[in-house]
Amino acid sequence: MTQIKIYGRRDVWDGRQREVSDLLHACLREAWRLPEDKRFHRFLLLDERDWICPRRSERYLIVEVLCFTGRSEEAKRALIGDVYRRLCPALGLDADDLELTIVEMPPVNWGIRGVPADELTLSYPVEL
């Protein structure tokens, strides 16, 4: 399971959610082999007064990837590299204006379809 939270300024990113989502999901499909239909992205767009980020431009984005434990350091590095290679040029971002955090937790900590996720059969690999 992977869920994505994208934080940014509303006046900059509102209306571009699909574009950002498509780019991020392409990275997840490539690096972690997520299926096309496993896209859970939430945009948390804030007003300028609620977004205090010294030394960052108004285009600054924070991407949080919440996921099951199990992916190797190599798989995490591949995702990070792919996100920067794709998103920065496509969205006109400097590397300083994009941050990505991978937050892992064991599947037993997720409730999905009424059961702990460690009881589910997934259609994609987590051990990469």
N, C-alpha and C. Protein backbone atom coordinates (compact mmCIF):
# COMPACT_ATOMS: atom_id res chain seq x y z
N MET A 1 0.85 -1.18 0.00
CA MET A 1 0.00 0.00 0.00
C MET A 1 0.89 1.24 0.00
N THR A 2 0.50 2.18 -0.77
CA THR A 2 1.22 3.45 -0.82
C THR A 2 0.20 4.57 -0.92
N GLN A 3 0.36 5.55 -0.05
CA GLN A 3 -0.45 6.76 -0.12
C GLN A 3 0.51 7.94 -0.21
N ILE A 4 0.10 8.93 -0.98
CA ILE A 4 0.95 10.10 -1.20
C ILE A 4 0.23 11.34 -0.70
N LYS A 5 0.97 12.16 0.05
CA LYS A 5 0.49 13.48 0.44
C LYS A 5 1.38 14.51 -0.24
N ILE A 6 0.78 15.48 -0.89
CA ILE A 6 1.52 16.53 -1.57
C ILE A 6 1.11 17.85 -0.95
N TYR A 7 2.09 18.56 -0.41
CA TYR A 7 1.86 19.86 0.22
C TYR A 7 2.45 20.95 -0.66
N GLY A 8 1.71 22.04 -0.81
CA GLY A 8 2.21 23.18 -1.56
C GLY A 8 1.29 24.37 -1.38
N ARG A 9 1.64 25.46 -2.02
CA ARG A 9 0.81 26.67 -1.94
C ARG A 9 -0.35 26.57 -2.91
N ARG A 10 -1.52 26.90 -2.42
CA ARG A 10 -2.74 26.85 -3.22
C ARG A 10 -2.66 27.76 -4.44
N ASP A 11 -2.13 28.97 -4.29
CA ASP A 11 -2.11 29.91 -5.40
C ASP A 11 -1.15 29.47 -6.51
N VAL A 12 -0.27 28.55 -6.23
CA VAL A 12 0.69 28.06 -7.22
C VAL A 12 0.22 26.74 -7.83
N TRP A 13 -0.29 25.81 -7.00
CA TRP A 13 -0.52 24.45 -7.45
C TRP A 13 -1.97 24.08 -7.71
N ASP A 14 -2.91 24.91 -7.28
CA ASP A 14 -4.32 24.58 -7.53
C ASP A 14 -4.56 24.52 -9.05
N GLY A 15 -5.19 23.47 -9.48
CA GLY A 15 -5.44 23.26 -10.91
C GLY A 15 -4.37 22.40 -11.58
N ARG A 16 -3.29 22.12 -10.87
CA ARG A 16 -2.21 21.30 -11.44
C ARG A 16 -2.10 19.94 -10.75
N GLN A 17 -3.11 19.59 -9.96
CA GLN A 17 -3.07 18.35 -9.19
C GLN A 17 -2.91 17.12 -10.08
N ARG A 18 -3.66 17.04 -11.17
CA ARG A 18 -3.58 15.86 -12.04
C ARG A 18 -2.18 15.73 -12.65
N GLU A 19 -1.62 16.84 -13.07
CA GLU A 19 -0.27 16.83 -13.65
C GLU A 19 0.75 16.29 -12.65
N VAL A 20 0.72 16.80 -11.43
CA VAL A 20 1.66 16.35 -10.39
C VAL A 20 1.40 14.88 -10.06
N SER A 21 0.13 14.51 -9.91
CA SER A 21 -0.24 13.13 -9.60
C SER A 21 0.25 12.17 -10.68
N ASP A 22 0.06 12.54 -11.94
CA ASP A 22 0.49 11.68 -13.04
C ASP A 22 2.01 11.46 -13.02
N LEU A 23 2.75 12.52 -12.77
CA LEU A 23 4.21 12.42 -12.71
C LEU A 23 4.65 11.53 -11.55
N LEU A 24 4.07 11.75 -10.38
CA LEU A 24 4.43 10.94 -9.21
C LEU A 24 4.06 9.48 -9.42
N HIS A 25 2.89 9.24 -9.97
CA HIS A 25 2.47 7.85 -10.14
C HIS A 25 3.34 7.13 -11.17
N ALA A 26 3.78 7.84 -12.19
CA ALA A 26 4.71 7.25 -13.15
C ALA A 26 6.00 6.83 -12.46
N CYS A 27 6.47 7.63 -11.53
CA CYS A 27 7.68 7.28 -10.77
C CYS A 27 7.44 6.04 -9.91
N LEU A 28 6.30 5.98 -9.24
CA LEU A 28 5.98 4.83 -8.39
C LEU A 28 5.80 3.55 -9.21
N ARG A 29 5.22 3.68 -10.38
CA ARG A 29 5.06 2.51 -11.26
C ARG A 29 6.42 2.00 -11.72
N GLU A 30 7.30 2.92 -12.05
CA GLU A 30 8.63 2.54 -12.54
C GLU A 30 9.50 1.96 -11.42
N ALA A 31 9.63 2.71 -10.33
CA ALA A 31 10.57 2.32 -9.27
C ALA A 31 10.05 1.20 -8.39
N TRP A 32 8.75 1.21 -8.11
CA TRP A 32 8.19 0.24 -7.15
C TRP A 32 7.17 -0.70 -7.78
N ARG A 33 6.96 -0.60 -9.08
CA ARG A 33 6.06 -1.49 -9.82
C ARG A 33 4.61 -1.47 -9.28
N LEU A 34 4.16 -0.28 -8.86
CA LEU A 34 2.77 -0.17 -8.43
C LEU A 34 1.86 -0.30 -9.65
N PRO A 35 0.72 -0.96 -9.51
CA PRO A 35 -0.23 -1.04 -10.62
C PRO A 35 -0.84 0.34 -10.93
N GLU A 36 -1.31 0.49 -12.13
CA GLU A 36 -1.93 1.76 -12.55
C GLU A 36 -3.07 2.17 -11.62
N ASP A 37 -3.86 1.19 -11.17
CA ASP A 37 -5.06 1.53 -10.38
C ASP A 37 -4.77 1.72 -8.89
N LYS A 38 -3.53 1.65 -8.47
CA LYS A 38 -3.18 1.86 -7.06
C LYS A 38 -2.64 3.27 -6.87
N ARG A 39 -3.52 4.22 -7.03
CA ARG A 39 -3.15 5.64 -6.93
C ARG A 39 -4.00 6.26 -5.83
N PHE A 40 -3.34 6.61 -4.73
CA PHE A 40 -4.00 7.26 -3.61
C PHE A 40 -3.22 8.52 -3.27
N HIS A 41 -3.60 9.64 -3.88
CA HIS A 41 -2.87 10.89 -3.74
C HIS A 41 -3.78 11.94 -3.11
N ARG A 42 -3.26 12.65 -2.12
CA ARG A 42 -4.00 13.72 -1.46
C ARG A 42 -3.20 15.00 -1.55
N PHE A 43 -3.86 16.05 -1.99
CA PHE A 43 -3.23 17.36 -2.10
C PHE A 43 -3.67 18.21 -0.92
N LEU A 44 -2.70 18.70 -0.20
CA LEU A 44 -2.94 19.56 0.95
C LEU A 44 -2.37 20.93 0.60
N LEU A 45 -3.19 21.72 -0.08
CA LEU A 45 -2.75 23.01 -0.57
C LEU A 45 -3.11 24.08 0.45
N LEU A 46 -2.14 24.91 0.76
CA LEU A 46 -2.27 25.88 1.82
C LEU A 46 -2.21 27.30 1.28
N ASP A 47 -2.86 28.21 1.98
CA ASP A 47 -2.75 29.61 1.64
C ASP A 47 -1.34 30.10 1.96
N GLU A 48 -0.93 31.16 1.29
CA GLU A 48 0.43 31.68 1.47
C GLU A 48 0.75 31.93 2.94
N ARG A 49 -0.19 32.45 3.69
CA ARG A 49 0.06 32.77 5.10
C ARG A 49 0.26 31.51 5.96
N ASP A 50 -0.18 30.36 5.47
CA ASP A 50 -0.05 29.10 6.21
C ASP A 50 1.14 28.26 5.74
N TRP A 51 1.94 28.79 4.88
CA TRP A 51 3.04 28.04 4.25
C TRP A 51 4.32 28.84 4.46
N ILE A 52 5.00 28.59 5.55
CA ILE A 52 6.19 29.35 5.92
C ILE A 52 7.41 28.47 5.66
N CYS A 53 8.14 28.82 4.62
CA CYS A 53 9.29 28.00 4.19
C CYS A 53 10.43 28.93 3.78
N PRO A 54 11.20 29.39 4.76
CA PRO A 54 12.31 30.30 4.42
C PRO A 54 13.27 29.66 3.42
N ARG A 55 13.81 30.47 2.57
CA ARG A 55 14.80 30.06 1.56
C ARG A 55 14.25 29.10 0.52
N ARG A 56 12.94 29.06 0.37
CA ARG A 56 12.33 28.26 -0.69
C ARG A 56 11.44 29.19 -1.52
N SER A 57 11.26 28.86 -2.78
CA SER A 57 10.41 29.70 -3.62
C SER A 57 8.94 29.39 -3.36
N GLU A 58 8.08 30.16 -3.99
CA GLU A 58 6.63 29.93 -3.85
C GLU A 58 6.21 28.61 -4.47
N ARG A 59 7.06 27.99 -5.29
CA ARG A 59 6.74 26.73 -5.96
C ARG A 59 7.10 25.49 -5.13
N TYR A 60 7.65 25.70 -3.97
CA TYR A 60 8.11 24.62 -3.09
C TYR A 60 7.02 23.57 -2.88
N LEU A 61 7.39 22.30 -3.06
CA LEU A 61 6.50 21.16 -2.83
C LEU A 61 7.15 20.19 -1.84
N ILE A 62 6.31 19.64 -0.97
CA ILE A 62 6.74 18.55 -0.10
C ILE A 62 5.89 17.34 -0.47
N VAL A 63 6.56 16.23 -0.72
CA VAL A 63 5.88 14.98 -1.07
C VAL A 63 6.19 13.96 0.02
N GLU A 64 5.14 13.41 0.63
CA GLU A 64 5.29 12.35 1.63
C GLU A 64 4.74 11.07 1.03
N VAL A 65 5.56 10.04 1.04
CA VAL A 65 5.16 8.72 0.56
C VAL A 65 4.97 7.84 1.80
N LEU A 66 3.73 7.48 2.10
CA LEU A 66 3.43 6.58 3.20
C LEU A 66 3.29 5.18 2.62
N CYS A 67 4.01 4.22 3.20
CA CYS A 67 4.03 2.89 2.58
C CYS A 67 4.33 1.81 3.60
N PHE A 68 4.08 0.57 3.17
CA PHE A 68 4.45 -0.60 3.97
C PHE A 68 5.98 -0.69 4.04
N THR A 69 6.47 -1.25 5.13
CA THR A 69 7.89 -1.58 5.20
C THR A 69 8.19 -2.72 4.22
N GLY A 70 9.44 -2.84 3.84
CA GLY A 70 9.83 -3.96 3.00
C GLY A 70 10.64 -3.59 1.78
N ARG A 71 10.62 -2.33 1.39
CA ARG A 71 11.38 -1.96 0.21
C ARG A 71 12.84 -1.72 0.60
N SER A 72 13.72 -2.14 -0.27
CA SER A 72 15.15 -2.02 -0.01
C SER A 72 15.59 -0.56 -0.12
N GLU A 73 16.79 -0.29 0.40
CA GLU A 73 17.36 1.04 0.24
C GLU A 73 17.53 1.37 -1.23
N GLU A 74 17.89 0.38 -2.03
CA GLU A 74 18.05 0.58 -3.48
C GLU A 74 16.72 1.01 -4.11
N ALA A 75 15.61 0.39 -3.71
CA ALA A 75 14.30 0.75 -4.25
C ALA A 75 13.91 2.17 -3.82
N LYS A 76 14.23 2.53 -2.59
CA LYS A 76 13.92 3.89 -2.12
C LYS A 76 14.77 4.92 -2.87
N ARG A 77 16.04 4.62 -3.06
CA ARG A 77 16.92 5.53 -3.81
C ARG A 77 16.44 5.68 -5.26
N ALA A 78 15.97 4.59 -5.84
CA ALA A 78 15.45 4.64 -7.21
C ALA A 78 14.23 5.55 -7.29
N LEU A 79 13.34 5.45 -6.32
CA LEU A 79 12.16 6.32 -6.33
C LEU A 79 12.56 7.78 -6.17
N ILE A 80 13.42 8.06 -5.22
CA ILE A 80 13.85 9.44 -4.99
C ILE A 80 14.51 10.01 -6.26
N GLY A 81 15.41 9.26 -6.85
CA GLY A 81 16.07 9.73 -8.07
C GLY A 81 15.10 9.98 -9.20
N ASP A 82 14.15 9.07 -9.38
CA ASP A 82 13.17 9.21 -10.46
C ASP A 82 12.27 10.41 -10.23
N VAL A 83 11.85 10.64 -8.99
CA VAL A 83 11.00 11.79 -8.69
C VAL A 83 11.72 13.09 -9.06
N TYR A 84 12.97 13.22 -8.66
CA TYR A 84 13.71 14.45 -8.98
C TYR A 84 13.97 14.57 -10.48
N ARG A 85 14.30 13.46 -11.14
CA ARG A 85 14.56 13.51 -12.59
C ARG A 85 13.32 13.90 -13.39
N ARG A 86 12.16 13.44 -12.95
CA ARG A 86 10.93 13.72 -13.71
C ARG A 86 10.26 15.03 -13.31
N LEU A 87 10.08 15.23 -12.00
CA LEU A 87 9.27 16.35 -11.55
C LEU A 87 9.95 17.69 -11.73
N CYS A 88 11.23 17.78 -11.41
CA CYS A 88 11.90 19.09 -11.49
C CYS A 88 11.80 19.70 -12.88
N PRO A 89 12.21 19.01 -13.94
CA PRO A 89 12.09 19.64 -15.26
C PRO A 89 10.64 19.82 -15.71
N ALA A 90 9.80 18.83 -15.45
CA ALA A 90 8.41 18.91 -15.92
C ALA A 90 7.62 20.02 -15.24
N LEU A 91 7.94 20.30 -13.97
CA LEU A 91 7.19 21.32 -13.22
C LEU A 91 7.96 22.62 -13.08
N GLY A 92 9.14 22.67 -13.66
CA GLY A 92 9.95 23.89 -13.57
C GLY A 92 10.46 24.16 -12.17
N LEU A 93 10.83 23.10 -11.45
CA LEU A 93 11.31 23.23 -10.08
C LEU A 93 12.82 23.13 -10.00
N ASP A 94 13.42 23.91 -9.13
CA ASP A 94 14.80 23.68 -8.73
C ASP A 94 14.79 22.52 -7.75
N ALA A 95 15.89 21.82 -7.64
CA ALA A 95 15.97 20.71 -6.68
C ALA A 95 15.69 21.19 -5.25
N ASP A 96 16.03 22.45 -4.94
CA ASP A 96 15.76 22.99 -3.60
C ASP A 96 14.28 23.18 -3.32
N ASP A 97 13.46 23.17 -4.36
CA ASP A 97 12.03 23.40 -4.18
C ASP A 97 11.20 22.12 -4.22
N LEU A 98 11.85 21.00 -3.98
CA LEU A 98 11.15 19.72 -3.90
C LEU A 98 11.77 18.90 -2.79
N GLU A 99 10.95 18.40 -1.91
CA GLU A 99 11.42 17.50 -0.86
C GLU A 99 10.52 16.29 -0.84
N LEU A 100 11.13 15.13 -0.65
CA LEU A 100 10.40 13.88 -0.62
C LEU A 100 10.79 13.12 0.64
N THR A 101 9.80 12.64 1.36
CA THR A 101 10.02 11.83 2.55
C THR A 101 9.28 10.52 2.38
N ILE A 102 9.96 9.42 2.67
CA ILE A 102 9.34 8.10 2.65
C ILE A 102 9.10 7.69 4.10
N VAL A 103 7.84 7.47 4.43
CA VAL A 103 7.44 7.09 5.79
C VAL A 103 6.92 5.66 5.72
N GLU A 104 7.64 4.75 6.39
CA GLU A 104 7.28 3.34 6.33
C GLU A 104 6.64 2.88 7.65
N MET A 105 5.74 1.92 7.51
CA MET A 105 5.18 1.27 8.70
C MET A 105 4.78 -0.14 8.35
N PRO A 106 4.78 -1.03 9.33
CA PRO A 106 4.43 -2.42 9.05
C PRO A 106 2.98 -2.54 8.60
N PRO A 107 2.69 -3.48 7.72
CA PRO A 107 1.33 -3.65 7.22
C PRO A 107 0.29 -3.86 8.33
N VAL A 108 0.67 -4.45 9.43
CA VAL A 108 -0.28 -4.67 10.52
C VAL A 108 -0.80 -3.34 11.08
N ASN A 109 -0.10 -2.25 10.83
CA ASN A 109 -0.54 -0.93 11.30
C ASN A 109 -1.57 -0.28 10.38
N TRP A 110 -1.90 -0.90 9.26
CA TRP A 110 -2.85 -0.36 8.31
C TRP A 110 -4.13 -1.21 8.35
N GLY A 111 -5.27 -0.58 8.43
CA GLY A 111 -6.55 -1.28 8.29
C GLY A 111 -7.10 -1.04 6.90
N ILE A 112 -7.30 -2.12 6.13
CA ILE A 112 -7.77 -2.00 4.75
C ILE A 112 -8.85 -3.05 4.53
N ARG A 113 -9.98 -2.61 4.01
CA ARG A 113 -11.11 -3.50 3.73
C ARG A 113 -11.50 -4.34 4.95
N GLY A 114 -11.37 -3.75 6.14
CA GLY A 114 -11.85 -4.39 7.35
C GLY A 114 -10.88 -5.31 8.05
N VAL A 115 -9.64 -5.40 7.55
CA VAL A 115 -8.66 -6.29 8.19
C VAL A 115 -7.29 -5.59 8.25
N PRO A 116 -6.41 -6.04 9.14
CA PRO A 116 -5.04 -5.54 9.09
C PRO A 116 -4.42 -5.91 7.74
N ALA A 117 -3.66 -5.00 7.18
CA ALA A 117 -3.13 -5.20 5.82
C ALA A 117 -2.20 -6.39 5.70
N ASP A 118 -1.63 -6.88 6.79
CA ASP A 118 -0.77 -8.06 6.67
C ASP A 118 -1.57 -9.32 6.36
N GLU A 119 -2.89 -9.22 6.39
CA GLU A 119 -3.76 -10.35 6.03
C GLU A 119 -4.23 -10.29 4.58
N LEU A 120 -3.84 -9.26 3.85
CA LEU A 120 -4.26 -9.08 2.46
C LEU A 120 -3.30 -9.75 1.50
N THR A 121 -3.81 -10.11 0.35
CA THR A 121 -2.98 -10.55 -0.77
C THR A 121 -2.89 -9.37 -1.72
N LEU A 122 -1.67 -8.90 -1.97
CA LEU A 122 -1.47 -7.73 -2.81
C LEU A 122 -1.20 -8.13 -4.26
N SER A 123 -1.54 -7.24 -5.17
CA SER A 123 -1.32 -7.50 -6.59
C SER A 123 0.02 -6.94 -7.07
N TYR A 124 0.85 -6.50 -6.15
CA TYR A 124 2.15 -5.91 -6.50
C TYR A 124 3.15 -6.25 -5.40
N PRO A 125 4.44 -6.20 -5.72
CA PRO A 125 5.47 -6.55 -4.73
C PRO A 125 5.73 -5.42 -3.75
N VAL A 126 6.05 -5.76 -2.53
CA VAL A 126 6.51 -4.79 -1.56
C VAL A 126 8.00 -5.03 -1.27
N GLU A 127 8.40 -6.27 -1.32
CA GLU A 127 9.81 -6.63 -1.12
C GLU A 127 10.56 -6.40 -2.43
N LEU A 128 11.19 -5.25 -2.55
CA LEU A 128 11.95 -4.93 -3.77
C LEU A 128 13.40 -4.69 -3.41
